[in-house]
Amino acid sequence: MTMLLPDAFSALAHLVDEWAIEDGHQRYLKRVSCTMDKILAFYNEVFPHAENAVAYINQYDYQQALPADVANLRNLMYSLITVSLAVELWGQPRVKHSANTILTRLS
């Protein structure tokens, strides 16, 4: 059986399918399509693990592909970074005063 996350972070495994998003634009789309309640629930659950998660990930050589469980942990941290602006600055999923603007990536 493949582990979704390293053992030390197994309590967060239920978040992997929804929040361990590799693509940055897809993480952005996830943030702007979520309610603040859902964003806050994710943020509040993951943030306490962030420092230890970053230290764990930093044990690996970034020149090499990460093991799948560590890559999932990294992607959860990337999602945490993406939603942190909504939580810590704006109090809403979108940038304040941006109406319904969605950024798209052309390349």
N, C-alpha and C. Protein backbone atom coordinates (compact mmCIF):
# COMPACT_ATOMS: atom_id res chain seq x y z
N MET A 1 0.84 -1.18 0.00
CA MET A 1 0.00 0.00 0.00
C MET A 1 0.89 1.25 0.00
N THR A 2 0.59 2.19 -0.86
CA THR A 2 1.34 3.43 -0.94
C THR A 2 0.82 4.40 0.12
N MET A 3 1.74 5.01 0.84
CA MET A 3 1.36 5.99 1.85
C MET A 3 1.06 7.31 1.16
N LEU A 4 -0.02 7.95 1.58
CA LEU A 4 -0.37 9.26 1.02
C LEU A 4 0.56 10.35 1.53
N LEU A 5 0.96 10.24 2.80
CA LEU A 5 1.85 11.22 3.44
C LEU A 5 2.84 10.46 4.32
N PRO A 6 3.97 11.07 4.62
CA PRO A 6 4.89 10.46 5.59
C PRO A 6 4.17 10.22 6.92
N ASP A 7 4.59 9.20 7.63
CA ASP A 7 3.93 8.80 8.89
C ASP A 7 3.67 9.95 9.84
N ALA A 8 4.63 10.84 9.99
CA ALA A 8 4.50 11.95 10.95
C ALA A 8 3.35 12.89 10.59
N PHE A 9 2.85 12.81 9.36
CA PHE A 9 1.79 13.72 8.91
C PHE A 9 0.53 12.95 8.48
N SER A 10 0.42 11.72 8.92
CA SER A 10 -0.71 10.87 8.50
C SER A 10 -2.07 11.43 8.91
N ALA A 11 -2.11 12.26 9.95
CA ALA A 11 -3.38 12.87 10.37
C ALA A 11 -3.96 13.78 9.29
N LEU A 12 -3.13 14.20 8.35
CA LEU A 12 -3.59 15.09 7.28
C LEU A 12 -3.92 14.33 5.99
N ALA A 13 -3.80 13.02 6.01
CA ALA A 13 -3.97 12.21 4.80
C ALA A 13 -5.34 12.39 4.15
N HIS A 14 -6.36 12.64 4.94
CA HIS A 14 -7.70 12.81 4.37
C HIS A 14 -7.81 14.07 3.50
N LEU A 15 -6.84 14.96 3.57
CA LEU A 15 -6.84 16.19 2.78
C LEU A 15 -6.15 16.05 1.43
N VAL A 16 -5.41 14.97 1.24
CA VAL A 16 -4.58 14.82 0.05
C VAL A 16 -5.39 14.86 -1.23
N ASP A 17 -6.44 14.07 -1.33
CA ASP A 17 -7.21 14.02 -2.58
C ASP A 17 -7.72 15.38 -3.02
N GLU A 18 -8.12 16.19 -2.07
CA GLU A 18 -8.71 17.48 -2.40
C GLU A 18 -7.69 18.62 -2.48
N TRP A 19 -6.66 18.58 -1.64
CA TRP A 19 -5.81 19.76 -1.48
C TRP A 19 -4.35 19.59 -1.90
N ALA A 20 -3.88 18.39 -2.15
CA ALA A 20 -2.48 18.19 -2.57
C ALA A 20 -2.40 18.39 -4.08
N ILE A 21 -2.53 19.62 -4.48
CA ILE A 21 -2.64 20.00 -5.89
C ILE A 21 -1.26 20.43 -6.38
N GLU A 22 -0.76 19.75 -7.40
CA GLU A 22 0.60 20.03 -7.88
C GLU A 22 0.69 21.32 -8.69
N ASP A 23 -0.30 21.60 -9.51
CA ASP A 23 -0.27 22.74 -10.42
C ASP A 23 -0.69 24.03 -9.71
N GLY A 24 0.12 25.06 -9.82
CA GLY A 24 -0.15 26.33 -9.15
C GLY A 24 -1.44 26.99 -9.60
N HIS A 25 -1.74 26.93 -10.88
CA HIS A 25 -2.98 27.54 -11.36
C HIS A 25 -4.19 26.78 -10.82
N GLN A 26 -4.09 25.47 -10.74
CA GLN A 26 -5.18 24.68 -10.18
C GLN A 26 -5.38 24.97 -8.69
N ARG A 27 -4.28 25.24 -7.98
CA ARG A 27 -4.42 25.65 -6.57
C ARG A 27 -5.14 26.98 -6.46
N TYR A 28 -4.80 27.91 -7.34
CA TYR A 28 -5.48 29.21 -7.38
C TYR A 28 -6.97 29.03 -7.64
N LEU A 29 -7.31 28.22 -8.64
CA LEU A 29 -8.72 27.97 -8.96
C LEU A 29 -9.45 27.32 -7.79
N LYS A 30 -8.78 26.44 -7.08
CA LYS A 30 -9.37 25.81 -5.90
C LYS A 30 -9.70 26.88 -4.86
N ARG A 31 -8.74 27.79 -4.61
CA ARG A 31 -8.98 28.84 -3.62
C ARG A 31 -10.17 29.71 -4.00
N VAL A 32 -10.21 30.20 -5.23
CA VAL A 32 -11.28 31.13 -5.59
C VAL A 32 -12.64 30.45 -5.72
N SER A 33 -12.66 29.11 -5.80
CA SER A 33 -13.94 28.42 -5.91
C SER A 33 -14.46 27.90 -4.57
N CYS A 34 -13.66 28.04 -3.51
CA CYS A 34 -14.05 27.55 -2.19
C CYS A 34 -14.71 28.64 -1.37
N THR A 35 -15.49 28.21 -0.41
CA THR A 35 -16.02 29.14 0.58
C THR A 35 -14.94 29.44 1.60
N MET A 36 -15.07 30.54 2.30
CA MET A 36 -14.11 30.85 3.36
C MET A 36 -14.17 29.82 4.47
N ASP A 37 -15.34 29.27 4.74
CA ASP A 37 -15.43 28.23 5.78
C ASP A 37 -14.54 27.04 5.42
N LYS A 38 -14.58 26.62 4.17
CA LYS A 38 -13.77 25.49 3.73
C LYS A 38 -12.28 25.85 3.75
N ILE A 39 -11.95 27.04 3.30
CA ILE A 39 -10.56 27.50 3.32
C ILE A 39 -10.04 27.57 4.75
N LEU A 40 -10.83 28.14 5.65
CA LEU A 40 -10.42 28.26 7.05
C LEU A 40 -10.24 26.89 7.70
N ALA A 41 -11.12 25.96 7.39
CA ALA A 41 -10.99 24.61 7.95
C ALA A 41 -9.68 23.97 7.51
N PHE A 42 -9.35 24.10 6.22
CA PHE A 42 -8.08 23.57 5.72
C PHE A 42 -6.90 24.28 6.38
N TYR A 43 -6.91 25.58 6.37
CA TYR A 43 -5.83 26.39 6.94
C TYR A 43 -5.61 26.04 8.41
N ASN A 44 -6.68 26.01 9.18
CA ASN A 44 -6.56 25.76 10.63
C ASN A 44 -6.06 24.35 10.94
N GLU A 45 -6.35 23.40 10.06
CA GLU A 45 -5.89 22.04 10.29
C GLU A 45 -4.42 21.87 9.87
N VAL A 46 -4.03 22.50 8.80
CA VAL A 46 -2.69 22.28 8.24
C VAL A 46 -1.64 23.22 8.83
N PHE A 47 -2.00 24.46 9.08
CA PHE A 47 -1.01 25.45 9.54
C PHE A 47 -0.18 25.00 10.74
N PRO A 48 -0.76 24.36 11.75
CA PRO A 48 0.07 23.93 12.88
C PRO A 48 1.17 22.94 12.51
N HIS A 49 1.06 22.28 11.37
CA HIS A 49 2.04 21.30 10.93
C HIS A 49 3.07 21.89 9.96
N ALA A 50 2.89 23.14 9.57
CA ALA A 50 3.68 23.71 8.48
C ALA A 50 5.18 23.72 8.77
N GLU A 51 5.58 24.18 9.92
CA GLU A 51 7.01 24.27 10.21
C GLU A 51 7.68 22.90 10.17
N ASN A 52 7.05 21.91 10.78
CA ASN A 52 7.60 20.56 10.76
C ASN A 52 7.57 19.97 9.35
N ALA A 53 6.53 20.28 8.61
CA ALA A 53 6.43 19.76 7.23
C ALA A 53 7.54 20.32 6.36
N VAL A 54 7.79 21.61 6.46
CA VAL A 54 8.86 22.22 5.66
C VAL A 54 10.21 21.63 6.06
N ALA A 55 10.45 21.45 7.33
CA ALA A 55 11.71 20.84 7.79
C ALA A 55 11.85 19.42 7.24
N TYR A 56 10.76 18.69 7.23
CA TYR A 56 10.78 17.32 6.70
C TYR A 56 11.09 17.32 5.21
N ILE A 57 10.42 18.16 4.47
CA ILE A 57 10.63 18.23 3.02
C ILE A 57 12.05 18.67 2.71
N ASN A 58 12.60 19.58 3.50
CA ASN A 58 13.94 20.10 3.26
C ASN A 58 15.04 19.06 3.46
N GLN A 59 14.71 17.90 3.98
CA GLN A 59 15.69 16.81 4.11
C GLN A 59 16.04 16.21 2.75
N TYR A 60 15.20 16.46 1.77
CA TYR A 60 15.36 15.84 0.46
C TYR A 60 16.10 16.76 -0.49
N ASP A 61 16.80 16.16 -1.43
CA ASP A 61 17.54 16.87 -2.46
C ASP A 61 16.56 17.35 -3.52
N TYR A 62 16.49 18.66 -3.70
CA TYR A 62 15.54 19.22 -4.67
C TYR A 62 15.94 18.94 -6.11
N GLN A 63 17.13 18.40 -6.31
CA GLN A 63 17.56 18.03 -7.66
C GLN A 63 16.97 16.68 -8.06
N GLN A 64 16.44 15.95 -7.09
CA GLN A 64 15.87 14.63 -7.32
C GLN A 64 14.35 14.68 -7.16
N ALA A 65 13.66 13.79 -7.83
CA ALA A 65 12.21 13.69 -7.65
C ALA A 65 11.91 13.26 -6.21
N LEU A 66 10.90 13.88 -5.63
CA LEU A 66 10.49 13.52 -4.28
C LEU A 66 9.70 12.22 -4.30
N PRO A 67 9.81 11.41 -3.25
CA PRO A 67 8.90 10.28 -3.12
C PRO A 67 7.45 10.78 -3.12
N ALA A 68 6.52 9.97 -3.56
CA ALA A 68 5.13 10.40 -3.73
C ALA A 68 4.53 10.96 -2.44
N ASP A 69 4.81 10.34 -1.30
CA ASP A 69 4.23 10.83 -0.04
C ASP A 69 4.79 12.20 0.33
N VAL A 70 6.06 12.43 0.05
CA VAL A 70 6.69 13.73 0.34
C VAL A 70 6.19 14.77 -0.66
N ALA A 71 6.00 14.38 -1.90
CA ALA A 71 5.44 15.30 -2.90
C ALA A 71 4.03 15.72 -2.51
N ASN A 72 3.24 14.80 -1.98
CA ASN A 72 1.90 15.16 -1.50
C ASN A 72 1.98 16.15 -0.35
N LEU A 73 2.93 15.94 0.55
CA LEU A 73 3.11 16.87 1.67
C LEU A 73 3.51 18.24 1.15
N ARG A 74 4.44 18.28 0.21
CA ARG A 74 4.85 19.56 -0.40
C ARG A 74 3.65 20.25 -1.03
N ASN A 75 2.83 19.50 -1.75
CA ASN A 75 1.68 20.10 -2.42
C ASN A 75 0.64 20.60 -1.42
N LEU A 76 0.50 19.94 -0.29
CA LEU A 76 -0.37 20.47 0.77
C LEU A 76 0.19 21.80 1.29
N MET A 77 1.49 21.88 1.43
CA MET A 77 2.11 23.14 1.88
C MET A 77 1.92 24.23 0.83
N TYR A 78 2.04 23.89 -0.44
CA TYR A 78 1.78 24.87 -1.49
C TYR A 78 0.33 25.37 -1.43
N SER A 79 -0.61 24.45 -1.18
CA SER A 79 -2.01 24.87 -1.05
C SER A 79 -2.20 25.75 0.17
N LEU A 80 -1.50 25.43 1.24
CA LEU A 80 -1.56 26.27 2.44
C LEU A 80 -1.08 27.69 2.12
N ILE A 81 0.01 27.80 1.39
CA ILE A 81 0.51 29.11 0.99
C ILE A 81 -0.53 29.85 0.15
N THR A 82 -1.15 29.13 -0.76
CA THR A 82 -2.15 29.74 -1.65
C THR A 82 -3.35 30.28 -0.88
N VAL A 83 -3.83 29.54 0.10
CA VAL A 83 -5.00 30.00 0.84
C VAL A 83 -4.64 30.98 1.95
N SER A 84 -3.37 31.04 2.33
CA SER A 84 -2.99 31.91 3.45
C SER A 84 -3.29 33.38 3.16
N LEU A 85 -3.18 33.80 1.93
CA LEU A 85 -3.51 35.19 1.59
C LEU A 85 -4.99 35.47 1.85
N ALA A 86 -5.84 34.53 1.50
CA ALA A 86 -7.27 34.69 1.73
C ALA A 86 -7.57 34.78 3.23
N VAL A 87 -6.87 33.99 4.02
CA VAL A 87 -7.11 33.95 5.46
C VAL A 87 -6.48 35.14 6.17
N GLU A 88 -5.22 35.41 5.88
CA GLU A 88 -4.46 36.39 6.66
C GLU A 88 -4.61 37.83 6.18
N LEU A 89 -4.97 38.03 4.91
CA LEU A 89 -5.04 39.39 4.39
C LEU A 89 -6.44 39.83 3.97
N TRP A 90 -7.10 39.02 3.18
CA TRP A 90 -8.31 39.49 2.54
C TRP A 90 -9.60 39.11 3.27
N GLY A 91 -9.60 37.99 3.99
CA GLY A 91 -10.81 37.52 4.64
C GLY A 91 -11.85 37.02 3.65
N GLN A 92 -11.40 36.68 2.47
CA GLN A 92 -12.27 36.15 1.40
C GLN A 92 -11.39 35.41 0.40
N PRO A 93 -11.97 34.51 -0.40
CA PRO A 93 -11.16 33.71 -1.32
C PRO A 93 -10.47 34.50 -2.42
N ARG A 94 -11.07 35.60 -2.83
CA ARG A 94 -10.52 36.39 -3.92
C ARG A 94 -9.83 37.65 -3.40
N VAL A 95 -8.97 38.20 -4.22
CA VAL A 95 -8.34 39.46 -3.88
C VAL A 95 -9.44 40.51 -3.71
N LYS A 96 -9.33 41.30 -2.67
CA LYS A 96 -10.35 42.34 -2.44
C LYS A 96 -10.46 43.25 -3.66
N HIS A 97 -11.67 43.63 -3.96
CA HIS A 97 -12.00 44.56 -5.05
C HIS A 97 -11.64 44.01 -6.44
N SER A 98 -11.60 42.68 -6.55
CA SER A 98 -11.30 42.09 -7.86
C SER A 98 -12.56 41.55 -8.55
N ALA A 99 -13.71 41.77 -7.93
CA ALA A 99 -15.00 41.29 -8.47
C ALA A 99 -14.90 39.80 -8.74
N ASN A 100 -15.29 39.39 -9.92
CA ASN A 100 -15.26 37.97 -10.27
C ASN A 100 -14.10 37.63 -11.21
N THR A 101 -13.06 38.41 -11.14
CA THR A 101 -11.90 38.20 -12.00
C THR A 101 -11.26 36.85 -11.70
N ILE A 102 -10.92 36.12 -12.74
CA ILE A 102 -10.18 34.87 -12.63
C ILE A 102 -8.94 35.02 -13.48
N LEU A 103 -7.80 34.80 -12.90
CA LEU A 103 -6.56 34.85 -13.67
C LEU A 103 -6.42 33.56 -14.46
N THR A 104 -5.98 33.68 -15.69
CA THR A 104 -5.71 32.50 -16.49
C THR A 104 -4.28 32.52 -16.95
N ARG A 105 -3.76 31.36 -17.18
CA ARG A 105 -2.38 31.22 -17.60
C ARG A 105 -2.38 30.88 -19.08
N LEU A 106 -1.62 31.62 -19.87
CA LEU A 106 -1.57 31.41 -21.30
C LEU A 106 -0.48 30.44 -21.72
N SER A 107 0.52 30.29 -20.93
CA SER A 107 1.59 29.35 -21.30
C SER A 107 2.02 28.55 -20.11
